[in-house]
PDB file of N, CA and C in Angstrom:
ATOM      1  N   MET A   1      -5.526   9.026 -16.571  1.00  0.00           N
ATOM      2  CA  MET A   1      -6.153   8.301 -15.247  1.00  0.00           C
ATOM      3  C   MET A   1      -6.603   9.509 -14.357  1.00  0.00           C
ATOM      4  N   PHE A   2      -5.753  10.230 -14.039  1.00  0.00           N
ATOM      5  CA  PHE A   2      -6.038  11.549 -12.795  1.00  0.00           C
ATOM      6  C   PHE A   2      -6.751  12.675 -13.477  1.00  0.00           C
ATOM      7  N   ARG A   3      -6.750  12.854 -14.627  1.00  0.00           N
ATOM      8  CA  ARG A   3      -7.092  14.129 -15.416  1.00  0.00           C
ATOM      9  C   ARG A   3      -7.961  14.971 -14.489  1.00  0.00           C
ATOM     10  N   ASN A   4      -7.138  16.289 -14.256  1.00  0.00           N
ATOM     11  CA  ASN A   4      -7.762  17.276 -13.273  1.00  0.00           C
ATOM     12  C   ASN A   4      -8.188  16.742 -11.827  1.00  0.00           C
ATOM     13  N   ARG A   5      -7.665  15.863 -11.359  1.00  0.00           N
ATOM     14  CA  ARG A   5      -7.982  15.342 -10.064  1.00  0.00           C
ATOM     15  C   ARG A   5      -6.790  15.089  -9.246  1.00  0.00           C
ATOM     16  N   SER A   6      -6.654  15.406  -8.174  1.00  0.00           N
ATOM     17  CA  SER A   6      -5.451  15.073  -7.183  1.00  0.00           C
ATOM     18  C   SER A   6      -5.489  13.642  -6.850  1.00  0.00           C
ATOM     19  N   SER A   7      -4.180  13.083  -6.565  1.00  0.00           N
ATOM     20  CA  SER A   7      -4.024  11.974  -6.298  1.00  0.00           C
ATOM     21  C   SER A   7      -4.969  11.508  -5.040  1.00  0.00           C
ATOM     22  N   ALA A   8      -5.024  12.379  -4.114  1.00  0.00           N
ATOM     23  CA  ALA A   8      -5.818  12.146  -2.897  1.00  0.00           C
ATOM     24  C   ALA A   8      -7.364  12.071  -3.258  1.00  0.00           C
ATOM     25  N   ALA A   9      -7.906  12.725  -4.310  1.00  0.00           N
ATOM     26  CA  ALA A   9      -9.295  12.371  -4.665  1.00  0.00           C
ATOM     27  C   ALA A   9      -9.416  11.224  -5.346  1.00  0.00           C
ATOM     28  N   PHE A  10      -8.552  10.987  -6.258  1.00  0.00           N
ATOM     29  CA  PHE A  10      -8.600   9.667  -7.204  1.00  0.00           C
ATOM     30  C   PHE A  10      -8.573   8.466  -6.074  1.00  0.00           C
ATOM     31  N   LEU A  11      -7.752   8.469  -5.145  1.00  0.00           N
ATOM     32  CA  LEU A  11      -7.602   7.181  -4.212  1.00  0.00           C
ATOM     33  C   LEU A  11      -8.939   7.041  -3.422  1.00  0.00           C
ATOM     34  N   GLU A  12      -9.263   8.328  -2.987  1.00  0.00           N
ATOM     35  CA  GLU A  12     -10.488   8.491  -2.003  1.00  0.00           C
ATOM     36  C   GLU A  12     -11.768   7.759  -2.909  1.00  0.00           C
ATOM     37  N   GLU A  13     -12.022   8.258  -4.070  1.00  0.00           N
ATOM     38  CA  GLU A  13     -12.940   7.585  -5.026  1.00  0.00           C
ATOM     39  C   GLU A  13     -12.858   6.210  -5.533  1.00  0.00           C
ATOM     40  N   ARG A  14     -11.733   5.982  -5.908  1.00  0.00           N
ATOM     41  CA  ARG A  14     -11.521   4.609  -6.621  1.00  0.00           C
ATOM     42  C   ARG A  14     -11.449   3.590  -5.559  1.00  0.00           C
ATOM     43  N   LEU A  15     -10.662   3.777  -4.517  1.00  0.00           N
ATOM     44  CA  LEU A  15     -10.202   2.870  -3.384  1.00  0.00           C
ATOM     45  C   LEU A  15     -10.761   2.965  -2.194  1.00  0.00           C
ATOM     46  N   PHE A  16     -10.379   3.948  -1.397  1.00  0.00           N
ATOM     47  CA  PHE A  16     -10.775   4.038  -0.020  1.00  0.00           C
ATOM     48  C   PHE A  16     -12.469   4.143   0.118  1.00  0.00           C
ATOM     49  N   LYS A  17     -13.115   4.731  -0.778  1.00  0.00           N
ATOM     50  CA  LYS A  17     -14.488   4.779  -0.415  1.00  0.00           C
ATOM     51  C   LYS A  17     -15.182   3.395  -0.758  1.00  0.00           C
ATOM     52  N   PRO A  18     -14.892   2.868  -2.138  1.00  0.00           N
ATOM     53  CA  PRO A  18     -15.571   1.702  -2.466  1.00  0.00           C
ATOM     54  C   PRO A  18     -15.270   0.474  -1.185  1.00  0.00           C
ATOM     55  N   LEU A  19     -14.007   0.513  -0.797  1.00  0.00           N
ATOM     56  CA  LEU A  19     -13.747  -0.253   0.322  1.00  0.00           C
ATOM     57  C   LEU A  19     -13.968  -0.129   1.665  1.00  0.00           C
ATOM     58  N   GLY A  20     -14.662   1.033   1.893  1.00  0.00           N
ATOM     59  CA  GLY A  20     -15.310   1.280   3.195  1.00  0.00           C
ATOM     60  C   GLY A  20     -14.016   1.788   4.104  1.00  0.00           C
ATOM     61  N   MET A  21     -13.037   2.188   3.423  1.00  0.00           N
ATOM     62  CA  MET A  21     -11.736   2.613   4.444  1.00  0.00           C
ATOM     63  C   MET A  21     -11.546   4.061   4.728  1.00  0.00           C
ATOM     64  N   LYS A  22     -12.465   4.461   5.888  1.00  0.00           N
ATOM     65  CA  LYS A  22     -12.696   5.748   6.346  1.00  0.00           C
ATOM     66  C   LYS A  22     -11.581   6.380   6.902  1.00  0.00           C
ATOM     67  N   ASN A  23     -10.595   5.596   7.248  1.00  0.00           N
ATOM     68  CA  ASN A  23      -9.498   6.124   8.252  1.00  0.00           C
ATOM     69  C   ASN A  23      -8.347   5.936   7.513  1.00  0.00           C
ATOM     70  N   SER A  24      -8.273   5.971   6.042  1.00  0.00           N
ATOM     71  CA  SER A  24      -7.022   6.183   5.412  1.00  0.00           C
ATOM     72  C   SER A  24      -6.918   7.292   4.491  1.00  0.00           C
ATOM     73  N   SER A  25      -5.613   7.856   4.132  1.00  0.00           N
ATOM     74  CA  SER A  25      -5.579   8.994   3.386  1.00  0.00           C
ATOM     75  C   SER A  25      -4.054   8.963   3.061  1.00  0.00           C
ATOM     76  N   LEU A  26      -3.734   9.937   2.128  1.00  0.00           N
ATOM     77  CA  LEU A  26      -2.294  10.173   1.818  1.00  0.00           C
ATOM     78  C   LEU A  26      -1.858  10.997   2.910  1.00  0.00           C
ATOM     79  N   ARG A  27      -0.623  10.797   3.148  1.00  0.00           N
ATOM     80  CA  ARG A  27       0.370  11.494   3.907  1.00  0.00           C
ATOM     81  C   ARG A  27       0.635  12.766   3.763  1.00  0.00           C
ATOM     82  N   ASP A  28      -0.245  13.788   3.693  1.00  0.00           N
ATOM     83  CA  ASP A  28       0.063  15.191   3.346  1.00  0.00           C
ATOM     84  C   ASP A  28       0.543  16.000   4.778  1.00  0.00           C
ATOM     85  N   ASP A  29       0.369  15.392   5.913  1.00  0.00           N
ATOM     86  CA  ASP A  29       0.981  15.875   7.223  1.00  0.00           C
ATOM     87  C   ASP A  29       1.265  14.777   8.075  1.00  0.00           C
ATOM     88  N   TYR A  30       2.727  14.441   7.913  1.00  0.00           N
ATOM     89  CA  TYR A  30       3.244  13.199   8.699  1.00  0.00           C
ATOM     90  C   TYR A  30       3.009  13.540  10.349  1.00  0.00           C
ATOM     91  N   GLN A  31       2.796  14.537  10.584  1.00  0.00           N
ATOM     92  CA  GLN A  31       2.696  14.868  12.183  1.00  0.00           C
ATOM     93  C   GLN A  31       1.230  14.742  12.682  1.00  0.00           C
ATOM     94  N   ARG A  32       0.284  14.701  11.595  1.00  0.00           N
ATOM     95  CA  ARG A  32      -1.380  14.682  11.987  1.00  0.00           C
ATOM     96  C   ARG A  32      -1.597  13.311  12.793  1.00  0.00           C
ATOM     97  N   ILE A  33      -2.299  13.487  13.763  1.00  0.00           N
ATOM     98  CA  ILE A  33      -2.551  12.467  14.714  1.00  0.00           C
ATOM     99  C   ILE A  33      -3.768  11.777  13.783  1.00  0.00           C
ATOM    100  N   VAL A  34      -3.579  10.471  13.707  1.00  0.00           N
ATOM    101  CA  VAL A  34      -4.604   9.741  13.259  1.00  0.00           C
ATOM    102  C   VAL A  34      -5.037   8.416  14.235  1.00  0.00           C
ATOM    103  N   PRO A  35      -6.126   8.456  14.965  1.00  0.00           N
ATOM    104  CA  PRO A  35      -6.521   7.626  16.012  1.00  0.00           C
ATOM    105  C   PRO A  35      -6.280   6.128  15.305  1.00  0.00           C
ATOM    106  N   GLY A  36      -5.883   5.210  15.740  1.00  0.00           N
ATOM    107  CA  GLY A  36      -5.718   4.081  15.455  1.00  0.00           C
ATOM    108  C   GLY A  36      -4.858   3.562  14.461  1.00  0.00           C
ATOM    109  N   ARG A  37      -3.921   4.626  14.341  1.00  0.00           N
ATOM    110  CA  ARG A  37      -2.929   4.617  13.017  1.00  0.00           C
ATOM    111  C   ARG A  37      -1.979   3.313  13.031  1.00  0.00           C
ATOM    112  N   ALA A  38      -1.861   2.764  11.901  1.00  0.00           N
ATOM    113  CA  ALA A  38      -0.877   1.713  11.868  1.00  0.00           C
ATOM    114  C   ALA A  38       0.293   2.062  11.182  1.00  0.00           C
ATOM    115  N   GLN A  39       1.493   1.674  11.772  1.00  0.00           N
ATOM    116  CA  GLN A  39       2.889   2.054  11.287  1.00  0.00           C
ATOM    117  C   GLN A  39       3.430   0.882  10.558  1.00  0.00           C
ATOM    118  N   ALA A  40       4.361   1.264   9.552  1.00  0.00           N
ATOM    119  CA  ALA A  40       5.106   0.269   8.837  1.00  0.00           C
ATOM    120  C   ALA A  40       6.274  -0.164   9.575  1.00  0.00           C
ATOM    121  N   TYR A  41       6.579  -1.432   9.687  1.00  0.00           N
ATOM    122  CA  TYR A  41       7.689  -1.879  10.503  1.00  0.00           C
ATOM    123  C   TYR A  41       8.543  -2.865   9.408  1.00  0.00           C
ATOM    124  N   ALA A  42       9.747  -3.004   9.461  1.00  0.00           N
ATOM    125  CA  ALA A  42      10.451  -4.068   8.588  1.00  0.00           C
ATOM    126  C   ALA A  42      11.523  -4.496   9.637  1.00  0.00           C
ATOM    127  N   ARG A  43      12.238  -5.432   9.008  1.00  0.00           N
ATOM    128  CA  ARG A  43      13.505  -5.877   9.615  1.00  0.00           C
ATOM    129  C   ARG A  43      14.562  -6.670   8.603  1.00  0.00           C
ATOM    130  N   GLN A  44      15.640  -6.445   8.962  1.00  0.00           N
ATOM    131  CA  GLN A  44      16.647  -6.935   8.118  1.00  0.00           C
ATOM    132  C   GLN A  44      17.318  -8.375   8.588  1.00  0.00           C
ATOM    133  N   GLY A  45      16.872  -9.576   7.769  1.00  0.00           N
ATOM    134  CA  GLY A  45      17.202 -10.711   8.158  1.00  0.00           C
ATOM    135  C   GLY A  45      16.515 -11.175   9.399  1.00  0.00           C
ATOM    136  N   THR A  46      17.273 -11.697  10.485  1.00  0.00           N
ATOM    137  CA  THR A  46      16.696 -11.965  11.665  1.00  0.00           C
ATOM    138  C   THR A  46      16.737 -10.865  12.757  1.00  0.00           C
ATOM    139  N   GLY A  47      17.014  -9.694  12.423  1.00  0.00           N
ATOM    140  CA  GLY A  47      17.477  -8.724  13.351  1.00  0.00           C
ATOM    141  C   GLY A  47      16.111  -8.048  13.954  1.00  0.00           C
ATOM    142  N   PRO A  48      16.127  -7.094  14.779  1.00  0.00           N
ATOM    143  CA  PRO A  48      14.588  -6.735  15.345  1.00  0.00           C
ATOM    144  C   PRO A  48      14.098  -5.759  14.473  1.00  0.00           C
ATOM    145  N   TRP A  49      12.783  -5.801  14.667  1.00  0.00           N
ATOM    146  CA  TRP A  49      11.779  -5.151  14.075  1.00  0.00           C
ATOM    147  C   TRP A  49      11.833  -3.668  14.166  1.00  0.00           C
ATOM    148  N   ARG A  50      11.956  -2.844  13.248  1.00  0.00           N
ATOM    149  CA  ARG A  50      12.221  -1.171  13.372  1.00  0.00           C
ATOM    150  C   ARG A  50      11.012  -0.633  12.698  1.00  0.00           C
ATOM    151  N   LEU A  51      10.848   0.587  13.050  1.00  0.00           N
ATOM    152  CA  LEU A  51      10.031   1.607  12.333  1.00  0.00           C
ATOM    153  C   LEU A  51      10.505   1.816  10.837  1.00  0.00           C
ATOM    154  N   ASN A  52       9.791   1.468  10.099  1.00  0.00           N
ATOM    155  CA  ASN A  52      10.157   1.924   8.541  1.00  0.00           C
ATOM    156  C   ASN A  52       9.204   3.060   7.841  1.00  0.00           C
ATOM    157  N   MET A  53       9.118   4.243   8.490  1.00  0.00           N
ATOM    158  CA  MET A  53       8.519   5.275   7.953  1.00  0.00           C
ATOM    159  C   MET A  53       9.139   6.465   7.769  1.00  0.00           C
ATOM    160  N   PRO A  54       9.186   6.910   6.669  1.00  0.00           N
ATOM    161  CA  PRO A  54       9.828   8.188   6.553  1.00  0.00           C
ATOM    162  C   PRO A  54       9.231   9.375   7.298  1.00  0.00           C
ATOM    163  N   PHE A  55       9.848  10.345   7.866  1.00  0.00           N
ATOM    164  CA  PHE A  55       9.404  11.381   8.407  1.00  0.00           C
ATOM    165  C   PHE A  55       9.342  12.722   7.557  1.00  0.00           C
ATOM    166  N   MET A  56       8.328  12.609   6.834  1.00  0.00           N
ATOM    167  CA  MET A  56       8.252  13.874   5.762  1.00  0.00           C
ATOM    168  C   MET A  56       6.852  13.706   5.056  1.00  0.00           C
ATOM    169  N   ASN A  57       6.382  14.692   4.374  1.00  0.00           N
ATOM    170  CA  ASN A  57       5.005  14.534   3.578  1.00  0.00           C
ATOM    171  C   ASN A  57       5.529  13.665   2.488  1.00  0.00           C
ATOM    172  N   VAL A  58       4.960  12.868   1.790  1.00  0.00           N
ATOM    173  CA  VAL A  58       5.068  12.044   0.751  1.00  0.00           C
ATOM    174  C   VAL A  58       3.876  11.570  -0.069  1.00  0.00           C
ATOM    175  N   TYR A  59       3.796  11.398  -1.257  1.00  0.00           N
ATOM    176  CA  TYR A  59       2.930  10.700  -1.994  1.00  0.00           C
ATOM    177  C   TYR A  59       3.706   9.744  -2.621  1.00  0.00           C
ATOM    178  N   GLY A  60       3.341   8.370  -2.537  1.00  0.00           N
ATOM    179  CA  GLY A  60       3.965   7.264  -3.184  1.00  0.00           C
ATOM    180  C   GLY A  60       4.273   6.365  -2.052  1.00  0.00           C
ATOM    181  N   ASN A  61       5.691   5.889  -2.146  1.00  0.00           N
ATOM    182  CA  ASN A  61       6.285   4.888  -1.498  1.00  0.00           C
ATOM    183  C   ASN A  61       6.045   5.547   0.294  1.00  0.00           C
ATOM    184  N   GLY A  62       5.384   4.587   1.004  1.00  0.00           N
ATOM    185  CA  GLY A  62       5.066   5.032   2.364  1.00  0.00           C
ATOM    186  C   GLY A  62       4.174   6.168   2.736  1.00  0.00           C
ATOM    187  N   GLY A  63       3.663   6.700   1.771  1.00  0.00           N
ATOM    188  CA  GLY A  63       2.883   7.983   1.597  1.00  0.00           C
ATOM    189  C   GLY A  63       1.369   7.840   2.147  1.00  0.00           C
ATOM    190  N   MET A  64       0.851   6.860   2.717  1.00  0.00           N
ATOM    191  CA  MET A  64      -0.525   6.505   3.126  1.00  0.00           C
ATOM    192  C   MET A  64      -0.742   6.265   4.597  1.00  0.00           C
ATOM    193  N   LEU A  65      -1.591   6.968   5.183  1.00  0.00           N
ATOM    194  CA  LEU A  65      -1.950   6.801   6.583  1.00  0.00           C
ATOM    195  C   LEU A  65      -3.033   5.877   6.669  1.00  0.00           C
ATOM    196  N   THR A  66      -2.925   4.911   7.353  1.00  0.00           N
ATOM    197  CA  THR A  66      -4.166   4.102   7.790  1.00  0.00           C
ATOM    198  C   THR A  66      -4.411   3.366   8.765  1.00  0.00           C
ATOM    199  N   THR A  67      -5.054   2.770   9.252  1.00  0.00           N
ATOM    200  CA  THR A  67      -5.254   2.133  10.430  1.00  0.00           C
ATOM    201  C   THR A  67      -5.376   0.307  10.383  1.00  0.00           C
ATOM    202  N   VAL A  68      -5.343  -0.303  11.237  1.00  0.00           N
ATOM    203  CA  VAL A  68      -5.220  -1.692  11.208  1.00  0.00           C
ATOM    204  C   VAL A  68      -6.731  -2.022  10.408  1.00  0.00           C
ATOM    205  N   GLY A  69      -7.620  -1.579  10.900  1.00  0.00           N
ATOM    206  CA  GLY A  69      -8.898  -2.052  10.539  1.00  0.00           C
ATOM    207  C   GLY A  69      -9.062  -1.619   9.048  1.00  0.00           C
ATOM    208  N   ASP A  70      -8.600  -0.603   8.483  1.00  0.00           N
ATOM    209  CA  ASP A  70      -8.495  -0.416   7.125  1.00  0.00           C
ATOM    210  C   ASP A  70      -7.679  -1.209   6.371  1.00  0.00           C
ATOM    211  N   TRP A  71      -6.529  -1.548   6.882  1.00  0.00           N
ATOM    212  CA  TRP A  71      -5.532  -2.412   6.276  1.00  0.00           C
ATOM    213  C   TRP A  71      -6.328  -3.613   6.117  1.00  0.00           C
ATOM    214  N   MET A  72      -6.930  -4.210   7.011  1.00  0.00           N
ATOM    215  CA  MET A  72      -7.625  -5.540   6.892  1.00  0.00           C
ATOM    216  C   MET A  72      -8.580  -5.522   5.802  1.00  0.00           C
ATOM    217  N   LYS A  73      -9.442  -4.309   5.527  1.00  0.00           N
ATOM    218  CA  LYS A  73     -10.127  -4.196   4.282  1.00  0.00           C
ATOM    219  C   LYS A  73      -9.519  -4.256   3.205  1.00  0.00           C
ATOM    220  N   TRP A  74      -8.489  -3.754   2.935  1.00  0.00           N
ATOM    221  CA  TRP A  74      -7.528  -3.855   1.831  1.00  0.00           C
ATOM    222  C   TRP A  74      -7.080  -5.397   1.680  1.00  0.00           C
ATOM    223  N   ASN A  75      -6.675  -6.142   2.830  1.00  0.00           N
ATOM    224  CA  ASN A  75      -6.174  -7.279   2.369  1.00  0.00           C
ATOM    225  C   ASN A  75      -7.114  -8.097   2.096  1.00  0.00           C
ATOM    226  N   ALA A  76      -8.522  -7.924   2.599  1.00  0.00           N
ATOM    227  CA  ALA A  76      -9.555  -8.773   2.265  1.00  0.00           C
ATOM    228  C   ALA A  76      -9.909  -8.452   0.561  1.00  0.00           C
ATOM    229  N   MET A  77      -9.557  -7.368   0.033  1.00  0.00           N
ATOM    230  CA  MET A  77      -9.908  -6.953  -1.245  1.00  0.00           C
ATOM    231  C   MET A  77      -8.837  -7.624  -2.117  1.00  0.00           C
ATOM    232  N   LEU A  78      -7.707  -7.718  -1.378  1.00  0.00           N
ATOM    233  CA  LEU A  78      -6.518  -8.385  -2.273  1.00  0.00           C
ATOM    234  C   LEU A  78      -6.867 -10.166  -2.382  1.00  0.00           C
ATOM    235  N   ASP A  79      -7.603 -10.520  -1.158  1.00  0.00           N
ATOM    236  CA  ASP A  79      -8.055 -11.986  -1.325  1.00  0.00           C
ATOM    237  C   ASP A  79      -9.180 -12.071  -2.158  1.00  0.00           C
ATOM    238  N   SER A  80     -10.286 -11.504  -1.970  1.00  0.00           N
ATOM    239  CA  SER A  80     -11.516 -11.516  -2.893  1.00  0.00           C
ATOM    240  C   SER A  80     -11.517 -10.840  -4.253  1.00  0.00           C
ATOM    241  N   LYS A  81     -10.393 -10.033  -4.606  1.00  0.00           N
ATOM    242  CA  LYS A  81     -10.410  -9.470  -5.580  1.00  0.00           C
ATOM    243  C   LYS A  81     -11.653  -8.646  -6.001  1.00  0.00           C
ATOM    244  N   SER A  82     -12.170  -8.071  -5.080  1.00  0.00           N
ATOM    245  CA  SER A  82     -13.572  -7.320  -5.242  1.00  0.00           C
ATOM    246  C   SER A  82     -13.500  -6.010  -6.045  1.00  0.00           C
ATOM    247  N   LEU A  83     -12.225  -5.529  -6.109  1.00  0.00           N
ATOM    248  CA  LEU A  83     -12.180  -4.341  -7.353  1.00  0.00           C
ATOM    249  C   LEU A  83     -11.583  -4.730  -8.514  1.00  0.00           C
ATOM    250  N   GLY A  84     -11.240  -5.940  -8.706  1.00  0.00           N
ATOM    251  CA  GLY A  84     -11.116  -6.739 -10.171  1.00  0.00           C
ATOM    252  C   GLY A  84      -9.831  -7.430  -9.926  1.00  0.00           C
ATOM    253  N   ALA A  85      -9.923  -8.608 -10.764  1.00  0.00           N
ATOM    254  CA  ALA A  85      -8.763  -9.566 -10.664  1.00  0.00           C
ATOM    255  C   ALA A  85      -7.591  -8.756 -11.128  1.00  0.00           C
ATOM    256  N   PRO A  86      -7.740  -7.978 -12.309  1.00  0.00           N
ATOM    257  CA  PRO A  86      -6.573  -7.329 -13.173  1.00  0.00           C
ATOM    258  C   PRO A  86      -5.938  -6.397 -12.203  1.00  0.00           C
ATOM    259  N   LEU A  87      -6.434  -5.705 -11.180  1.00  0.00           N
ATOM    260  CA  LEU A  87      -6.062  -4.851 -10.371  1.00  0.00           C
ATOM    261  C   LEU A  87      -5.053  -5.580  -9.382  1.00  0.00           C
ATOM    262  N   VAL A  88      -5.552  -6.656  -8.693  1.00  0.00           N
ATOM    263  CA  VAL A  88      -4.651  -7.594  -7.847  1.00  0.00           C
ATOM    264  C   VAL A  88      -3.594  -8.083  -8.556  1.00  0.00           C
ATOM    265  N   ASP A  89      -3.790  -8.766  -9.645  1.00  0.00           N
ATOM    266  CA  ASP A  89      -2.991  -9.454 -10.355  1.00  0.00           C
ATOM    267  C   ASP A  89      -1.561  -8.651 -10.750  1.00  0.00           C
ATOM    268  N   ALA A  90      -1.904  -7.211 -11.058  1.00  0.00           N
ATOM    269  CA  ALA A  90      -0.938  -6.284 -11.393  1.00  0.00           C
ATOM    270  C   ALA A  90      -0.058  -6.162 -10.015  1.00  0.00           C
ATOM    271  N   LEU A  91      -0.974  -5.862  -8.923  1.00  0.00           N
ATOM    272  CA  LEU A  91      -0.181  -5.713  -7.515  1.00  0.00           C
ATOM    273  C   LEU A  91       0.593  -6.551  -7.240  1.00  0.00           C
ATOM    274  N   GLU A  92       0.413  -7.687  -7.557  1.00  0.00           N
ATOM    275  CA  GLU A  92       1.118  -9.002  -7.074  1.00  0.00           C
ATOM    276  C   GLU A  92       2.108  -9.739  -8.148  1.00  0.00           C
ATOM    277  N   THR A  93       2.143  -9.057  -9.266  1.00  0.00           N
ATOM    278  CA  THR A  93       3.125  -9.620 -10.303  1.00  0.00           C
ATOM    279  C   THR A  93       4.473  -8.995  -9.897  1.00  0.00           C
ATOM    280  N   ARG A  94       5.513  -9.917  -9.757  1.00  0.00           N
ATOM    281  CA  ARG A  94       6.871  -9.312  -9.589  1.00  0.00           C
ATOM    282  C   ARG A  94       7.502  -8.737 -10.672  1.00  0.00           C
ATOM    283  N   GLY A  95       8.314  -7.655 -10.289  1.00  0.00           N
ATOM    284  CA  GLY A  95       9.168  -6.896 -11.239  1.00  0.00           C
ATOM    285  C   GLY A  95      10.127  -7.923 -11.767  1.00  0.00           C
ATOM    286  N   VAL A  96      10.462  -7.612 -12.970  1.00  0.00           N
ATOM    287  CA  VAL A  96      11.536  -8.436 -13.882  1.00  0.00           C
ATOM    288  C   VAL A  96      12.738  -7.430 -14.405  1.00  0.00           C
ATOM    289  N   LEU A  97      14.002  -7.852 -13.905  1.00  0.00           N
ATOM    290  CA  LEU A  97      15.042  -6.879 -14.408  1.00  0.00           C
ATOM    291  C   LEU A  97      15.397  -7.129 -15.704  1.00  0.00           C
ATOM    292  N   ASN A  98      16.212  -6.285 -16.299  1.00  0.00           N
ATOM    293  CA  ASN A  98      16.625  -6.288 -17.905  1.00  0.00           C
ATOM    294  C   ASN A  98      17.063  -7.648 -18.009  1.00  0.00           C
ATOM    295  N   ASP A  99      17.764  -8.396 -17.095  1.00  0.00           N
ATOM    296  CA  ASP A  99      18.396  -9.716 -17.418  1.00  0.00           C
ATOM    297  C   ASP A  99      17.419 -10.878 -17.176  1.00  0.00           C
ATOM    298  N   GLY A 100      16.190 -10.508 -16.809  1.00  0.00           N
ATOM    299  CA  GLY A 100      15.207 -11.670 -16.685  1.00  0.00           C
ATOM    300  C   GLY A 100      14.900 -12.010 -15.421  1.00  0.00           C
ATOM    301  N   ARG A 101      15.720 -11.694 -14.387  1.00  0.00           N
ATOM    302  CA  ARG A 101      15.780 -12.127 -13.042  1.00  0.00           C
ATOM    303  C   ARG A 101      14.319 -11.384 -12.511  1.00  0.00           C
ATOM    304  N   LYS A 102      13.703 -12.110 -11.606  1.00  0.00           N
ATOM    305  CA  LYS A 102      12.615 -11.467 -11.052  1.00  0.00           C
ATOM    306  C   LYS A 102      12.842 -11.015  -9.580  1.00  0.00           C
ATOM    307  N   ILE A 103      12.430  -9.996  -9.172  1.00  0.00           N
ATOM    308  CA  ILE A 103      12.739  -9.335  -8.067  1.00  0.00           C
ATOM    309  C   ILE A 103      11.434  -9.614  -6.936  1.00  0.00           C
ATOM    310  N   ALA A 104      11.848  -9.524  -5.554  1.00  0.00           N
ATOM    311  CA  ALA A 104      10.660  -9.699  -4.674  1.00  0.00           C
ATOM    312  C   ALA A 104       9.666  -8.440  -4.773  1.00  0.00           C
ATOM    313  N   TYR A 105       9.880  -7.436  -5.353  1.00  0.00           N
ATOM    314  CA  TYR A 105       8.919  -6.391  -5.151  1.00  0.00           C
ATOM    315  C   TYR A 105       7.967  -6.300  -6.455  1.00  0.00           C
ATOM    316  N   ALA A 106       6.737  -6.106  -5.965  1.00  0.00           N
ATOM    317  CA  ALA A 106       5.704  -5.998  -6.957  1.00  0.00           C
ATOM    318  C   ALA A 106       4.836  -4.899  -6.679  1.00  0.00           C
ATOM    319  N   LEU A 107       4.808  -3.691  -7.488  1.00  0.00           N
ATOM    320  CA  LEU A 107       3.740  -2.584  -7.383  1.00  0.00           C
ATOM    321  C   LEU A 107       3.254  -2.535  -6.041  1.00  0.00           C
ATOM    322  N   GLY A 108       3.992  -2.434  -5.015  1.00  0.00           N
ATOM    323  CA  GLY A 108       3.837  -1.966  -3.690  1.00  0.00           C
ATOM    324  C   GLY A 108       3.672  -3.132  -2.873  1.00  0.00           C
ATOM    325  N   LEU A 109       3.865  -4.275  -3.198  1.00  0.00           N
ATOM    326  CA  LEU A 109       3.855  -5.446  -2.196  1.00  0.00           C
ATOM    327  C   LEU A 109       5.141  -6.174  -2.383  1.00  0.00           C
ATOM    328  N   THR A 110       5.647  -6.733  -1.208  1.00  0.00           N
ATOM    329  CA  THR A 110       6.807  -7.577  -1.373  1.00  0.00           C
ATOM    330  C   THR A 110       6.803  -8.995  -0.746  1.00  0.00           C
ATOM    331  N   GLY A 111       7.711  -9.880  -0.990  1.00  0.00           N
ATOM    332  CA  GLY A 111       7.785 -11.028  -0.029  1.00  0.00           C
ATOM    333  C   GLY A 111       6.730 -11.947  -0.230  1.00  0.00           C
ATOM    334  N   ARG A 112       6.264 -12.631   0.822  1.00  0.00           N
ATOM    335  CA  ARG A 112       5.170 -13.456   0.708  1.00  0.00           C
ATOM    336  C   ARG A 112       4.110 -13.275   0.043  1.00  0.00           C
ATOM    337  N   TYR A 113       3.697 -11.943  -0.008  1.00  0.00           N
ATOM    338  CA  TYR A 113       2.390 -11.294  -0.437  1.00  0.00           C
ATOM    339  C   TYR A 113       2.445 -11.550  -2.089  1.00  0.00           C
ATOM    340  N   VAL A 114       3.517 -11.615  -2.709  1.00  0.00           N
ATOM    341  CA  VAL A 114       3.674 -11.614  -4.064  1.00  0.00           C
ATOM    342  C   VAL A 114       3.879 -13.104  -4.458  1.00  0.00           C
ATOM    343  N   GLN A 115       3.317 -13.280  -5.961  1.00  0.00           N
ATOM    344  CA  GLN A 115       3.107 -14.267  -6.728  1.00  0.00           C
ATOM    345  C   GLN A 115       4.401 -15.076  -6.750  1.00  0.00           C
ATOM    346  N   GLY A 116       4.630 -16.138  -6.507  1.00  0.00           N
ATOM    347  CA  GLY A 116       6.193 -16.960  -6.926  1.00  0.00           C
ATOM    348  C   GLY A 116       7.114 -16.736  -5.873  1.00  0.00           C
ATOM    349  N   ILE A 117       6.731 -16.307  -4.598  1.00  0.00           N
ATOM    350  CA  ILE A 117       7.687 -16.093  -3.483  1.00  0.00           C
ATOM    351  C   ILE A 117       7.469 -17.093  -2.630  1.00  0.00           C
TER     352      ILE A 117
END
């Protein structure tokens, strides 16, 4: 899939550019200032919302820098399936444990964004 391309180049070509996400990139420098940057937040049960971003350079979980505007473009793609139904279906299909139980996580999406939750 990536053959001789970096993950960043692949994402730029196949996701960010087609969706017009001009303010999104992999987090290769977590201290870089990104104007309008959106941060990840989470909460445990009914507790307070807290910042949920690792402070390191990462590719993968939590490894993307983006803005609210670009995030809205991503969500619009999920709703319209403009990059293809197979992609969105894969992103929204819940994982299954060895004993057959489904979990709330699906290829980067959790909770109410996932089919069957």
